[in-house]
Amino acid sequence: MSNKKQPNWIYNPWVLTLIAYLILTPIGSWIYDHTKNIPIITPISRILKDVFNFKIALWLTILLLLISYVIYKLIKNSNVQIAKTEVLPFLDYTSDRFKSWKWRWEYQLYGKEFSIENLTPVCEKCDIKTLSSSSGFYRCPMCNDNFISQYSHEYENNIRALIGDRINKRNLHIPVQV
């Protein structure tokens, strides 16, 4: 047994392509010569033309797509309405008071879990969503009161955890992702 290395030119893509051409061309030619009198492709092409040669008007196709989309949206919205009113009572819990501030939020469904979204502090005097200012405070657009001097992502996560805790303490036991 010899440990001779094979030359690298054998693995060159151009050489491999040439070898494949030299081998496959005679084989393909032989197959073609022996099957050209057998009608295989013609019946298949006729069947495909018969199946796919419908004369459907463009307006009808667009109308069918539009009706399908409307039905899809109606089914999707009706499922959400049923879920909100009958099955998931915690969806009505969208505001509360935490750490001396009133907060408001919404729920977003991701797969089978809900996530708390659009969590914002609310002015207690005016009941209006506060706006963030350049100085790091949140300001009420109506009465111009400032809120929360060190608002951060970590602070928001703490509020989300408190919301999840209150949902669980109210025995709603709903899958909420905080």
C-alpha atoms as a PDB file:
ATOM      1  CA  MET A   1       0.000   0.000   0.000  1.00  0.00           C
ATOM      2  CA  SER A   2       1.499   3.283  -0.993  1.00  0.00           C
ATOM      3  CA  ASN A   3       0.839   6.608   0.596  1.00  0.00           C
ATOM      4  CA  LYS A   4       0.866   8.534  -2.659  1.00  0.00           C
ATOM      5  CA  LYS A   5      -1.020  11.783  -2.643  1.00  0.00           C
ATOM      6  CA  GLN A   6      -3.534  12.316  -5.425  1.00  0.00           C
ATOM      7  CA  PRO A   7      -2.873  15.355  -7.573  1.00  0.00           C
ATOM      8  CA  ASN A   8      -4.882  18.502  -6.740  1.00  0.00           C
ATOM      9  CA  TRP A   9      -5.904  19.096 -10.350  1.00  0.00           C
ATOM     10  CA  ILE A  10      -8.432  16.241 -10.079  1.00  0.00           C
ATOM     11  CA  TYR A  11     -10.500  18.308  -7.646  1.00  0.00           C
ATOM     12  CA  ASN A  12     -10.508  21.409  -9.852  1.00  0.00           C
ATOM     13  CA  PRO A  13     -14.132  22.308 -10.774  1.00  0.00           C
ATOM     14  CA  TRP A  14     -13.218  22.744 -14.453  1.00  0.00           C
ATOM     15  CA  VAL A  15     -11.678  19.276 -14.633  1.00  0.00           C
ATOM     16  CA  LEU A  16     -14.670  17.722 -12.883  1.00  0.00           C
ATOM     17  CA  THR A  17     -17.042  19.497 -15.284  1.00  0.00           C
ATOM     18  CA  LEU A  18     -15.101  18.235 -18.298  1.00  0.00           C
ATOM     19  CA  ILE A  19     -15.071  14.660 -16.976  1.00  0.00           C
ATOM     20  CA  ALA A  20     -18.825  14.802 -16.293  1.00  0.00           C
ATOM     21  CA  TYR A  21     -19.450  16.144 -19.812  1.00  0.00           C
ATOM     22  CA  LEU A  22     -17.377  13.408 -21.425  1.00  0.00           C
ATOM     23  CA  ILE A  23     -19.194  10.678 -19.475  1.00  0.00           C
ATOM     24  CA  LEU A  24     -22.768  11.997 -19.490  1.00  0.00           C
ATOM     25  CA  THR A  25     -22.956  13.145 -23.133  1.00  0.00           C
ATOM     26  CA  PRO A  26     -22.736   9.653 -24.677  1.00  0.00           C
ATOM     27  CA  ILE A  27     -25.080   8.221 -22.043  1.00  0.00           C
ATOM     28  CA  GLY A  28     -27.641  10.982 -22.616  1.00  0.00           C
ATOM     29  CA  SER A  29     -27.352  10.586 -26.386  1.00  0.00           C
ATOM     30  CA  TRP A  30     -27.917   6.833 -26.135  1.00  0.00           C
ATOM     31  CA  ILE A  31     -31.024   7.359 -23.915  1.00  0.00           C
ATOM     32  CA  TYR A  32     -32.430   9.944 -26.339  1.00  0.00           C
ATOM     33  CA  ASP A  33     -31.860   7.733 -29.409  1.00  0.00           C
ATOM     34  CA  HIS A  34     -33.661   4.799 -27.820  1.00  0.00           C
ATOM     35  CA  THR A  35     -36.652   6.760 -26.460  1.00  0.00           C
ATOM     36  CA  LYS A  36     -37.314   9.403 -29.140  1.00  0.00           C
ATOM     37  CA  ASN A  37     -39.955   7.236 -30.848  1.00  0.00           C
ATOM     38  CA  ILE A  38     -41.797   6.540 -27.580  1.00  0.00           C
ATOM     39  CA  PRO A  39     -44.423   9.268 -26.903  1.00  0.00           C
ATOM     40  CA  ILE A  40     -43.799   9.999 -23.227  1.00  0.00           C
ATOM     41  CA  ILE A  41     -43.526  13.783 -23.026  1.00  0.00           C
ATOM     42  CA  THR A  42     -46.366  14.597 -25.457  1.00  0.00           C
ATOM     43  CA  PRO A  43     -49.193  13.037 -23.383  1.00  0.00           C
ATOM     44  CA  ILE A  44     -47.828  14.561 -20.201  1.00  0.00           C
ATOM     45  CA  SER A  45     -47.673  18.016 -21.784  1.00  0.00           C
ATOM     46  CA  ARG A  46     -51.252  17.648 -23.116  1.00  0.00           C
ATOM     47  CA  ILE A  47     -52.543  16.733 -19.661  1.00  0.00           C
ATOM     48  CA  LEU A  48     -50.756  19.702 -18.073  1.00  0.00           C
ATOM     49  CA  LYS A  49     -52.147  22.070 -20.733  1.00  0.00           C
ATOM     50  CA  ASP A  50     -55.665  20.746 -20.159  1.00  0.00           C
ATOM     51  CA  VAL A  51     -55.371  21.151 -16.397  1.00  0.00           C
ATOM     52  CA  PHE A  52     -53.762  24.609 -16.346  1.00  0.00           C
ATOM     53  CA  ASN A  53     -55.358  26.165 -19.426  1.00  0.00           C
ATOM     54  CA  PHE A  54     -58.344  27.732 -17.683  1.00  0.00           C
ATOM     55  CA  LYS A  55     -59.640  30.968 -19.138  1.00  0.00           C
ATOM     56  CA  ILE A  56     -60.272  32.789 -15.854  1.00  0.00           C
ATOM     57  CA  ALA A  57     -60.716  36.520 -16.105  1.00  0.00           C
ATOM     58  CA  LEU A  58     -58.292  38.689 -14.155  1.00  0.00           C
ATOM     59  CA  TRP A  59     -61.097  40.540 -12.373  1.00  0.00           C
ATOM     60  CA  LEU A  60     -62.481  37.218 -11.097  1.00  0.00           C
ATOM     61  CA  THR A  61     -59.090  36.170  -9.744  1.00  0.00           C
ATOM     62  CA  ILE A  62     -58.655  39.498  -7.932  1.00  0.00           C
ATOM     63  CA  LEU A  63     -62.205  39.275  -6.573  1.00  0.00           C
ATOM     64  CA  LEU A  64     -61.607  35.768  -5.220  1.00  0.00           C
ATOM     65  CA  LEU A  65     -58.364  36.857  -3.546  1.00  0.00           C
ATOM     66  CA  LEU A  66     -60.074  39.902  -2.018  1.00  0.00           C
ATOM     67  CA  ILE A  67     -62.991  37.841  -0.692  1.00  0.00           C
ATOM     68  CA  SER A  68     -60.551  35.306   0.789  1.00  0.00           C
ATOM     69  CA  TYR A  69     -58.628  38.091   2.534  1.00  0.00           C
ATOM     70  CA  VAL A  70     -61.810  39.633   3.980  1.00  0.00           C
ATOM     71  CA  ILE A  71     -63.001  36.242   5.270  1.00  0.00           C
ATOM     72  CA  TYR A  72     -59.576  35.639   6.854  1.00  0.00           C
ATOM     73  CA  LYS A  73     -59.676  39.024   8.627  1.00  0.00           C
ATOM     74  CA  LEU A  74     -63.239  38.469   9.853  1.00  0.00           C
ATOM     75  CA  ILE A  75     -62.358  35.080  11.307  1.00  0.00           C
ATOM     76  CA  LYS A  76     -59.189  36.425  12.914  1.00  0.00           C
ATOM     77  CA  ASN A  77     -60.963  39.437  14.479  1.00  0.00           C
ATOM     78  CA  SER A  78     -63.892  37.354  15.699  1.00  0.00           C
ATOM     79  CA  ASN A  79     -61.486  34.952  17.443  1.00  0.00           C
ATOM     80  CA  VAL A  80     -59.779  37.862  19.199  1.00  0.00           C
ATOM     81  CA  GLN A  81     -63.114  39.346  20.311  1.00  0.00           C
ATOM     82  CA  ILE A  82     -64.269  35.977  21.677  1.00  0.00           C
ATOM     83  CA  ALA A  83     -60.970  35.510  23.481  1.00  0.00           C
ATOM     84  CA  LYS A  84     -61.092  38.980  25.037  1.00  0.00           C
ATOM     85  CA  THR A  85     -64.659  38.798  26.291  1.00  0.00           C
ATOM     86  CA  GLU A  86     -65.171  35.180  27.290  1.00  0.00           C
ATOM     87  CA  VAL A  87     -61.885  33.441  27.969  1.00  0.00           C
ATOM     88  CA  LEU A  88     -59.383  36.076  29.084  1.00  0.00           C
ATOM     89  CA  PRO A  89     -60.818  38.405  31.740  1.00  0.00           C
ATOM     90  CA  PHE A  90     -57.365  39.766  32.640  1.00  0.00           C
ATOM     91  CA  LEU A  91     -57.288  41.712  29.339  1.00  0.00           C
ATOM     92  CA  ASP A  92     -59.505  44.312  31.000  1.00  0.00           C
ATOM     93  CA  TYR A  93     -56.747  44.974  33.549  1.00  0.00           C
ATOM     94  CA  THR A  94     -54.866  47.716  31.688  1.00  0.00           C
ATOM     95  CA  SER A  95     -54.034  50.319  34.332  1.00  0.00           C
ATOM     96  CA  ASP A  96     -52.932  50.415  37.948  1.00  0.00           C
ATOM     97  CA  ARG A  97     -50.835  52.340  40.457  1.00  0.00           C
ATOM     98  CA  PHE A  98     -47.221  51.249  41.068  1.00  0.00           C
ATOM     99  CA  LYS A  99     -44.383  53.030  42.879  1.00  0.00           C
ATOM    100  CA  SER A 100     -46.424  56.203  43.403  1.00  0.00           C
ATOM    101  CA  TRP A 101     -47.377  56.520  39.725  1.00  0.00           C
ATOM    102  CA  LYS A 102     -50.362  55.528  37.661  1.00  0.00           C
ATOM    103  CA  TRP A 103     -49.476  53.270  34.717  1.00  0.00           C
ATOM    104  CA  ARG A 104     -51.338  52.203  31.575  1.00  0.00           C
ATOM    105  CA  TRP A 105     -50.485  49.332  29.189  1.00  0.00           C
ATOM    106  CA  GLU A 106     -51.809  47.013  26.491  1.00  0.00           C
ATOM    107  CA  TYR A 107     -51.402  43.295  25.841  1.00  0.00           C
ATOM    108  CA  GLN A 108     -49.951  41.806  22.668  1.00  0.00           C
ATOM    109  CA  LEU A 109     -50.370  38.132  21.801  1.00  0.00           C
ATOM    110  CA  TYR A 110     -47.143  36.352  20.773  1.00  0.00           C
ATOM    111  CA  GLY A 111     -47.821  32.719  20.006  1.00  0.00           C
ATOM    112  CA  LYS A 112     -49.619  31.414  23.086  1.00  0.00           C
ATOM    113  CA  GLU A 113     -48.397  34.052  25.535  1.00  0.00           C
ATOM    114  CA  PHE A 114     -49.308  37.658  26.071  1.00  0.00           C
ATOM    115  CA  SER A 115     -46.738  40.387  26.468  1.00  0.00           C
ATOM    116  CA  ILE A 116     -47.240  43.714  28.191  1.00  0.00           C
ATOM    117  CA  GLU A 117     -46.704  46.455  25.596  1.00  0.00           C
ATOM    118  CA  ASN A 118     -46.908  50.267  25.453  1.00  0.00           C
ATOM    119  CA  LEU A 119     -46.282  50.591  29.179  1.00  0.00           C
ATOM    120  CA  THR A 120     -46.436  54.306  30.014  1.00  0.00           C
ATOM    121  CA  PRO A 121     -46.843  56.457  33.112  1.00  0.00           C
ATOM    122  CA  VAL A 122     -50.054  58.485  33.206  1.00  0.00           C
ATOM    123  CA  CYS A 123     -50.711  61.837  34.856  1.00  0.00           C
ATOM    124  CA  GLU A 124     -53.019  61.237  37.826  1.00  0.00           C
ATOM    125  CA  LYS A 125     -54.575  64.706  37.651  1.00  0.00           C
ATOM    126  CA  CYS A 126     -55.413  64.716  33.939  1.00  0.00           C
ATOM    127  CA  ASP A 127     -55.436  60.959  33.179  1.00  0.00           C
ATOM    128  CA  ILE A 128     -53.313  61.616  30.077  1.00  0.00           C
ATOM    129  CA  LYS A 129     -50.341  59.639  28.821  1.00  0.00           C
ATOM    130  CA  THR A 130     -47.156  61.488  29.722  1.00  0.00           C
ATOM    131  CA  LEU A 131     -44.513  62.454  27.170  1.00  0.00           C
ATOM    132  CA  SER A 132     -40.783  61.926  27.561  1.00  0.00           C
ATOM    133  CA  SER A 133     -38.630  65.016  27.727  1.00  0.00           C
ATOM    134  CA  SER A 134     -34.965  65.541  26.930  1.00  0.00           C
ATOM    135  CA  SER A 135     -34.105  65.948  30.619  1.00  0.00           C
ATOM    136  CA  GLY A 136     -35.070  62.358  31.447  1.00  0.00           C
ATOM    137  CA  PHE A 137     -38.414  63.247  32.997  1.00  0.00           C
ATOM    138  CA  TYR A 138     -41.873  62.391  31.795  1.00  0.00           C
ATOM    139  CA  ARG A 139     -44.083  65.443  31.454  1.00  0.00           C
ATOM    140  CA  CYS A 140     -47.856  65.769  31.358  1.00  0.00           C
ATOM    141  CA  PRO A 141     -48.860  67.651  28.187  1.00  0.00           C
ATOM    142  CA  MET A 142     -51.918  69.133  29.954  1.00  0.00           C
ATOM    143  CA  CYS A 143     -50.664  70.342  33.339  1.00  0.00           C
ATOM    144  CA  ASN A 144     -46.872  70.227  32.642  1.00  0.00           C
ATOM    145  CA  ASP A 145     -46.101  68.237  35.815  1.00  0.00           C
ATOM    146  CA  ASN A 146     -42.884  66.167  35.689  1.00  0.00           C
ATOM    147  CA  PHE A 147     -42.737  62.504  36.661  1.00  0.00           C
ATOM    148  CA  ILE A 148     -40.050  59.895  37.353  1.00  0.00           C
ATOM    149  CA  SER A 149     -36.599  61.368  37.302  1.00  0.00           C
ATOM    150  CA  GLN A 150     -34.698  58.149  36.574  1.00  0.00           C
ATOM    151  CA  TYR A 151     -36.917  56.227  34.213  1.00  0.00           C
ATOM    152  CA  SER A 152     -35.060  53.348  32.576  1.00  0.00           C
ATOM    153  CA  HIS A 153     -35.593  50.026  30.871  1.00  0.00           C
ATOM    154  CA  GLU A 154     -34.885  48.311  34.191  1.00  0.00           C
ATOM    155  CA  TYR A 155     -37.543  50.444  35.877  1.00  0.00           C
ATOM    156  CA  GLU A 156     -40.020  49.437  33.158  1.00  0.00           C
ATOM    157  CA  ASN A 157     -39.159  45.741  33.672  1.00  0.00           C
ATOM    158  CA  ASN A 158     -39.868  46.147  37.398  1.00  0.00           C
ATOM    159  CA  ILE A 159     -43.319  47.545  36.596  1.00  0.00           C
ATOM    160  CA  ARG A 160     -43.966  44.657  34.166  1.00  0.00           C
ATOM    161  CA  ALA A 161     -43.051  42.177  36.918  1.00  0.00           C
ATOM    162  CA  LEU A 162     -45.420  43.921  39.353  1.00  0.00           C
ATOM    163  CA  ILE A 163     -48.243  43.747  36.782  1.00  0.00           C
ATOM    164  CA  GLY A 164     -47.645  40.019  36.311  1.00  0.00           C
ATOM    165  CA  ASP A 165     -47.649  39.543  40.075  1.00  0.00           C
ATOM    166  CA  ARG A 166     -50.971  41.370  40.471  1.00  0.00           C
ATOM    167  CA  ILE A 167     -52.512  39.270  37.688  1.00  0.00           C
ATOM    168  CA  ASN A 168     -51.436  36.102  39.493  1.00  0.00           C
ATOM    169  CA  LYS A 169     -52.662  37.370  42.877  1.00  0.00           C
ATOM    170  CA  ARG A 170     -56.091  38.059  41.392  1.00  0.00           C
ATOM    171  CA  ASN A 171     -56.198  34.314  40.589  1.00  0.00           C
ATOM    172  CA  LEU A 172     -56.497  34.903  36.858  1.00  0.00           C
ATOM    173  CA  HIS A 173     -53.558  32.548  36.146  1.00  0.00           C
ATOM    174  CA  ILE A 174     -53.096  33.722  32.590  1.00  0.00           C
ATOM    175  CA  PRO A 175     -49.808  33.218  30.687  1.00  0.00           C
ATOM    176  CA  VAL A 176     -48.296  36.693  30.709  1.00  0.00           C
ATOM    177  CA  GLN A 177     -44.746  37.217  29.534  1.00  0.00           C
ATOM    178  CA  VAL A 178     -43.124  40.010  31.527  1.00  0.00           C
END
